Every structure is written in structure tokens, then in C-alpha cells.
Protein backbone atom coordinates (compact mmCIF):
# COMPACT_ATOMS: atom_id res chain seq x y z
CA UNK A 1 -62.92 24.80 53.94
CA UNK A 2 -60.62 27.52 52.56
CA UNK A 3 -57.75 26.08 54.55
CA UNK A 4 -58.42 22.62 53.09
CA UNK A 5 -58.56 23.94 49.50
CA UNK A 6 -55.30 25.83 49.99
CA UNK A 7 -53.55 22.68 51.31
CA UNK A 8 -54.80 20.63 48.35
CA UNK A 9 -53.62 23.30 45.90
CA UNK A 10 -50.16 23.50 47.54
CA UNK A 11 -49.83 19.72 47.53
CA UNK A 12 -50.64 19.49 43.82
CA UNK A 13 -48.28 22.40 43.01
CA UNK A 14 -45.44 20.70 44.85
CA UNK A 15 -46.17 17.38 43.11
CA UNK A 16 -46.26 18.87 39.61
CA UNK A 17 -43.11 20.90 40.29
CA UNK A 18 -41.22 17.69 41.05
CA UNK A 19 -42.55 16.10 37.85
CA UNK A 20 -41.52 19.14 35.76
CA UNK A 21 -38.00 19.13 37.21
CA UNK A 22 -37.65 15.45 36.38
CA UNK A 23 -38.85 16.01 32.80
CA UNK A 24 -36.60 19.05 32.33
CA UNK A 25 -33.54 17.12 33.50
CA UNK A 26 -34.29 14.40 30.96
CA UNK A 27 -34.74 16.95 28.19
CA UNK A 28 -31.65 19.04 28.83
CA UNK A 29 -29.19 16.47 30.18
CA UNK A 30 -27.59 14.70 27.19
CA UNK A 31 -27.38 10.95 27.31
CA UNK A 32 -23.63 11.10 26.69
CA UNK A 33 -22.93 13.56 29.51
CA UNK A 34 -20.50 11.12 31.15
CA UNK A 35 -18.34 11.07 28.01
CA UNK A 36 -17.47 14.72 28.63
CA UNK A 37 -15.35 13.65 31.60
CA UNK A 38 -13.13 11.70 29.18
CA UNK A 39 -12.85 14.21 26.36
CA UNK A 40 -9.91 16.11 24.96
CA UNK A 41 -10.34 18.93 22.49
CA UNK A 42 -7.93 18.97 19.55
CA UNK A 43 -7.67 22.49 18.10
CA UNK A 44 -6.36 23.66 14.75
CA UNK A 45 -6.05 27.19 13.39
CA UNK A 46 -6.15 27.28 9.61
CA UNK A 47 -7.19 29.85 7.04
CA UNK A 48 -7.67 32.44 9.76
CA UNK A 49 -10.31 30.29 11.48
CA UNK A 50 -10.34 27.95 14.45
CA UNK A 51 -11.62 24.39 14.28
CA UNK A 52 -12.02 21.84 17.06
CA UNK A 53 -12.89 18.15 17.38
CA UNK A 54 -13.87 16.13 20.45
CA UNK A 55 -11.79 13.01 21.06
CA UNK A 56 -11.21 10.42 23.77
CA UNK A 57 -8.06 11.64 25.51
CA UNK A 58 -6.68 8.15 26.03
CA UNK A 59 -6.82 7.63 22.26
CA UNK A 60 -5.27 10.79 20.81
CA UNK A 61 -1.77 9.86 21.93
CA UNK A 62 -2.28 6.30 20.67
CA UNK A 63 -3.30 7.70 17.26
CA UNK A 64 -0.29 10.03 17.11
CA UNK A 65 1.96 7.08 18.02
CA UNK A 66 0.41 4.91 15.27
CA UNK A 67 -0.82 2.44 17.90
CA UNK A 68 -4.52 3.16 17.33
CA UNK A 69 -5.50 3.15 13.65
CA UNK A 70 -9.30 3.05 13.94
CA UNK A 71 -10.56 6.64 13.76
CA UNK A 72 -13.93 5.65 15.24
CA UNK A 73 -12.13 4.70 18.45
CA UNK A 74 -10.54 8.14 18.64
CA UNK A 75 -13.36 10.55 17.72
CA UNK A 76 -16.35 11.04 19.99
CA UNK A 77 -18.12 12.48 16.95
CA UNK A 78 -17.08 13.43 13.43
CA UNK A 79 -18.72 16.84 13.89
CA UNK A 80 -16.27 19.72 13.51
CA UNK A 81 -16.77 22.60 15.97
CA UNK A 82 -15.56 26.14 16.34
CA UNK A 83 -15.99 25.67 20.09
CA UNK A 84 -16.58 22.22 21.54
CA UNK A 85 -17.34 23.49 25.05
CA UNK A 86 -20.20 25.70 23.85
CA UNK A 87 -21.31 23.21 21.19
CA UNK A 88 -20.79 25.68 18.34
CA UNK A 89 -20.58 23.74 15.06
CA UNK A 90 -18.36 24.95 12.22
CA UNK A 91 -20.12 26.15 9.08
CA UNK A 92 -20.03 23.78 6.12
CA UNK A 93 -18.94 26.64 3.84
CA UNK A 94 -15.97 27.42 6.10
CA UNK A 95 -14.91 23.78 6.12
CA UNK A 96 -15.13 23.59 2.35
CA UNK A 97 -13.18 26.81 1.80
CA UNK A 98 -10.42 26.08 4.30
CA UNK A 99 -9.91 22.31 3.88
CA UNK A 100 -10.88 22.17 0.17
CA UNK A 101 -13.16 19.21 0.87
CA UNK A 102 -16.49 18.47 2.51
CA UNK A 103 -15.37 15.01 3.65
CA UNK A 104 -15.59 15.31 7.42
CA UNK A 105 -13.42 12.23 8.01
CA UNK A 106 -10.56 13.78 6.03
CA UNK A 107 -11.05 17.06 7.86
CA UNK A 108 -11.10 15.38 11.28
CA UNK A 109 -7.98 13.39 10.38
CA UNK A 110 -6.07 16.56 9.46
CA UNK A 111 -7.13 18.29 12.67
CA UNK A 112 -6.18 15.19 14.67
CA UNK A 113 -2.74 14.97 13.08
CA UNK A 114 -1.84 18.67 13.01
CA UNK A 115 -3.86 20.16 15.86
CA UNK A 116 -2.88 20.97 19.43
CA UNK A 117 -4.26 19.42 22.60
CA UNK A 118 -3.51 19.35 26.30
CA UNK A 119 -2.74 16.30 28.39
CA UNK A 120 -2.85 15.73 32.12
CA UNK A 121 0.50 15.18 33.82
CA UNK A 122 -0.15 11.44 34.08
CA UNK A 123 -1.05 11.19 30.38
CA UNK A 124 2.00 13.26 29.46
CA UNK A 125 4.27 10.89 31.36
CA UNK A 126 2.71 7.87 29.64
CA UNK A 127 3.16 9.52 26.23
CA UNK A 128 6.80 10.32 26.99
CA UNK A 129 7.37 6.75 28.15
CA UNK A 130 5.91 5.34 24.94
CA UNK A 131 8.01 7.75 22.83
CA UNK A 132 11.12 6.80 24.82
CA UNK A 133 10.59 3.10 24.05
CA UNK A 134 9.77 3.83 20.40
CA UNK A 135 13.04 5.73 20.01
CA UNK A 136 15.01 2.94 21.66
CA UNK A 137 13.40 0.47 19.26
CA UNK A 138 14.37 2.65 16.27
CA UNK A 139 17.97 2.86 17.48
CA UNK A 140 18.06 -0.92 17.92
CA UNK A 141 16.94 -1.39 14.30
CA UNK A 142 19.49 1.03 12.85
CA UNK A 143 22.60 0.32 14.89
CA UNK A 144 24.97 -2.36 16.19
CA UNK A 145 27.58 -2.86 18.87
CA UNK A 146 30.83 -2.76 16.81
CA UNK A 147 32.55 -4.98 19.37
CA UNK A 148 30.07 -7.85 19.13
CA UNK A 149 28.74 -6.91 15.66
CA UNK A 150 25.24 -7.47 17.02
CA UNK A 151 22.30 -5.10 17.69
CA UNK A 152 21.59 -3.86 21.19
CA UNK A 153 18.29 -4.94 22.77
CA UNK A 154 15.65 -2.26 23.36
CA UNK A 155 15.97 -2.61 27.15
CA UNK A 156 19.76 -2.14 26.98
CA UNK A 157 19.33 1.01 24.92
CA UNK A 158 16.65 2.37 27.28
CA UNK A 159 19.09 1.91 30.18
CA UNK A 160 21.89 3.62 28.23
CA UNK A 161 19.58 6.53 27.37
CA UNK A 162 18.57 6.95 31.02
CA UNK A 163 22.21 6.81 32.16
CA UNK A 164 23.02 9.53 29.61
CA UNK A 165 20.10 11.62 30.99
CA UNK A 166 18.51 11.85 27.55
CA UNK A 167 15.09 13.48 27.36
CA UNK A 168 12.73 13.02 24.43
CA UNK A 169 10.44 15.39 22.57
CA UNK A 170 6.87 14.05 22.22
CA UNK A 171 6.27 16.26 19.17
CA UNK A 172 9.21 15.04 17.06
CA UNK A 173 9.27 11.74 15.16
CA UNK A 174 10.98 8.77 16.81
CA UNK A 175 13.27 8.20 13.80
CA UNK A 176 14.50 11.80 13.76
CA UNK A 177 15.25 11.72 17.48
CA UNK A 178 16.86 8.28 17.19
CA UNK A 179 19.45 9.66 14.74
CA UNK A 180 20.25 12.54 17.09
CA UNK A 181 20.39 10.39 20.24
CA UNK A 182 22.58 7.82 18.50
CA UNK A 183 25.32 10.46 18.24
CA UNK A 184 25.03 11.17 21.97
CA UNK A 185 25.15 7.49 22.90
CA UNK A 186 28.47 7.11 21.04
CA UNK A 187 30.03 9.08 23.89
CA UNK A 188 29.04 6.48 26.50
CA UNK A 189 28.71 3.09 24.76
CA UNK A 190 30.25 1.43 21.66
CA UNK A 191 27.58 1.89 18.99
CA UNK A 192 27.43 2.72 15.28
CA UNK A 193 24.92 2.88 12.44
CA UNK A 194 24.23 -0.39 10.67
CA UNK A 195 25.58 -0.50 7.13
CA UNK A 196 23.27 -0.02 4.14
CA UNK A 197 23.00 -2.43 1.23
CA UNK A 198 23.09 -0.17 -1.84
CA UNK A 199 22.65 -1.02 -5.51
CA UNK A 200 23.93 1.24 -8.29
CA UNK A 201 22.85 0.75 -11.89
CA UNK A 202 23.97 2.80 -14.92
CA UNK A 203 25.20 2.42 -18.49
CA UNK A 204 28.75 1.17 -19.13
CA UNK A 205 29.69 4.38 -20.93
CA UNK A 206 28.63 6.50 -17.98
CA UNK A 207 30.20 4.13 -15.45
CA UNK A 208 33.63 4.46 -17.06
CA UNK A 209 33.79 8.05 -15.81
CA UNK A 210 33.17 7.22 -12.15
CA UNK A 211 33.42 3.45 -11.56
CA UNK A 212 36.50 3.63 -9.33
CA UNK A 213 35.00 6.50 -7.34
CA UNK A 214 31.77 4.54 -6.84
CA UNK A 215 33.63 1.45 -5.64
CA UNK A 216 35.60 3.51 -3.14
CA UNK A 217 32.37 4.34 -1.30
CA UNK A 218 31.63 0.66 -0.56
CA UNK A 219 32.92 -1.19 2.47
CA UNK A 220 32.34 -4.53 0.78
CA UNK A 221 30.99 -5.53 -2.64
CA UNK A 222 28.72 -8.57 -2.89
CA UNK A 223 28.19 -8.50 -6.67
CA UNK A 224 29.37 -6.59 -9.74
CA UNK A 225 27.95 -6.99 -13.24
CA UNK A 226 29.65 -5.48 -16.26
CA UNK A 227 27.67 -7.40 -18.84
CA UNK A 228 25.41 -4.94 -20.66
CA UNK A 229 24.94 -2.20 -18.08
CA UNK A 230 27.03 -1.63 -15.01
CA UNK A 231 25.50 -2.83 -11.73
CA UNK A 232 27.11 -3.10 -8.33
CA UNK A 233 25.66 -4.20 -4.97
CA UNK A 234 27.41 -3.90 -1.63
CA UNK A 235 27.51 -2.47 1.87
CA UNK A 236 28.22 1.18 2.55
CA UNK A 237 28.11 3.63 5.43
CA UNK A 238 24.71 5.40 5.73
CA UNK A 239 26.46 8.74 5.30
CA UNK A 240 27.72 7.69 1.86
CA UNK A 241 24.29 7.23 0.31
CA UNK A 242 23.62 10.88 -0.55
CA UNK A 243 27.04 11.62 -2.16
CA UNK A 244 26.85 8.28 -3.98
CA UNK A 245 23.40 9.11 -5.37
CA UNK A 246 24.62 12.56 -6.43
CA UNK A 247 27.65 11.03 -8.15
CA UNK A 248 25.53 8.56 -10.10
CA UNK A 249 23.02 11.25 -11.06
CA UNK A 250 25.73 13.64 -12.23
CA UNK A 251 27.56 11.17 -14.50
CA UNK A 252 24.43 9.46 -15.84
CA UNK A 253 22.52 12.73 -16.35
CA UNK A 254 19.73 11.41 -14.15
CA UNK A 255 19.37 8.09 -15.98
CA UNK A 256 21.25 5.93 -13.49
CA UNK A 257 19.86 4.51 -10.25
CA UNK A 258 21.16 4.45 -6.70
CA UNK A 259 18.86 2.70 -4.25
CA UNK A 260 18.93 1.25 -0.76
CA UNK A 261 17.77 -2.36 -1.00
CA UNK A 262 18.30 -3.37 2.61
CA UNK A 263 20.69 -3.35 5.56
CA UNK A 264 23.49 -5.68 6.54
CA UNK A 265 22.43 -9.07 7.86
CA UNK A 266 24.05 -11.21 10.51
CA UNK A 267 25.92 -13.30 7.95
CA UNK A 268 27.33 -10.11 6.42
CA UNK A 269 28.25 -8.83 9.86
CA UNK A 270 30.32 -12.00 10.41
CA UNK A 271 32.07 -11.49 7.07
CA UNK A 272 32.96 -7.90 7.93
CA UNK A 273 34.16 -8.94 11.38
CA UNK A 274 36.46 -11.61 9.98
């Protein structure tokens, strides 16, 4: 009889132990546990404190590249942490003091844009590839082949960049790198910046002091108006814009205008070529 009672007791203990383990796993295993295998932590140090947000790693690069614009697709949660791994949430008072707002979306956006994060080697290569193409596209939009007076295609520029062994920086803007790489490409292929269409407007009295100097900075002039105030529109080298703007500002005491209103078009390229 004692043996039978002991066997019954052991059987029930084993049964209830299995039930408790099952319940405990449901209580302490979060329903989004799988998401943690696809998470990247973006970290930002500001105001002497550290803040972190949890994002989908395949979306952070897309956000930085302006491909993904929906923040909900990037953030796993809009909660701001001091340590994502340990689940330590940042204090509301710290967020308010450091970011000067209690809007968590604005705070998450700043961390996402300015923070640091680590990528796997595969993700890094994809990010570099996207940046490489983005730079080539920027160069295509801002330059031409002076021989044909036509823009290069993106694929042609990518090939030229590879032949020149050009590497890109994932942390610098595509436009900034495009300007730098354009100078390097001039050593291997015929290429130059596309001309800017610039309009200058100022009073006739002010224009008398510098009209000839202004005209000398244009490659071609499409229109000139001397009726009332002085206005001139034409094509100029990109490098001439800053000195031209300074010239207009100096002689008009800041009242004149110098503005880029576009870039040369194909019809204008044909005129220059002829």
C-alpha cells in the first residue's frame, strides 16, 4: 500500500511539473521573441546619456538612403531604451531634458538619423552597393560628356568608377561624394559639370557698377532686360555661382538677387556645341 501511494504521488508530481514548465514558458517567453533575430540597435550618446532604439536591420539602411520613408516599417517599437538587450527603458525626464521634447517619434527619428549601428558583412556590402549606384546617379544628373554634349548613363558611370578603383563612404552624402569623385573621373574619361542656368536681378543704378563683370561670368546669355531693373539669365559654370552671388550682393548692398533657376537642357547643349 505504501509503495502504491508513493507511485501515485510521484506520478502526480511529474505531471504537475510538466504543466508548470509549460505555463512558465508561456509567461516568460515574449510573443515577439522571433523578432529579436532580426533586430539592430541604433545607439546615440547625447547630453552625457546613452539612448537606444530597436529597429529592423533590413530597414535602417533603407531609411538612411531615403528609400524607406515609413517610420513604422523601421522601428520595432517607439520605446526609447538605455539598454535594449536588458530591456531598460529610458526615463521620461531624461528624454525631455536631453531632446527638449516628449514626442517619442521625434526622439526616435533623431536617434535613427544620428545614431550608430552595426551591420553584418552582407548588409554592409548591400549598403555600399546602393550608395555606389546613388553616387553614380548623382554624377549622371550633374555632368555631361563634353565630346557628345550628352549625360553619361548610370551604368557607364558605375563601370568608370570601378575601373578607377573608387571606393565610397557609406556615412557621407551621395551628392558630396559625387562632386569629389567627378574630379577623379576627369583623369580617366571626358566629363565635366553641367552648366547652371543663373538669373541675376538688381537695380539699374547698382548694375552700372558691375554689369560688364557680371556678363563676363556667363558662357551664354539667353535674355537681358534693362527696362526698369536689370535682369539677366544665362548659362554659367557651377564654380562661378558663388563669386557671382558675392558680386551682386556687394554692389547691391544685399538688395539684388542671384539664383540658380535650372541647368542646361539638351537644346541649350546643342547651341553651345554649335
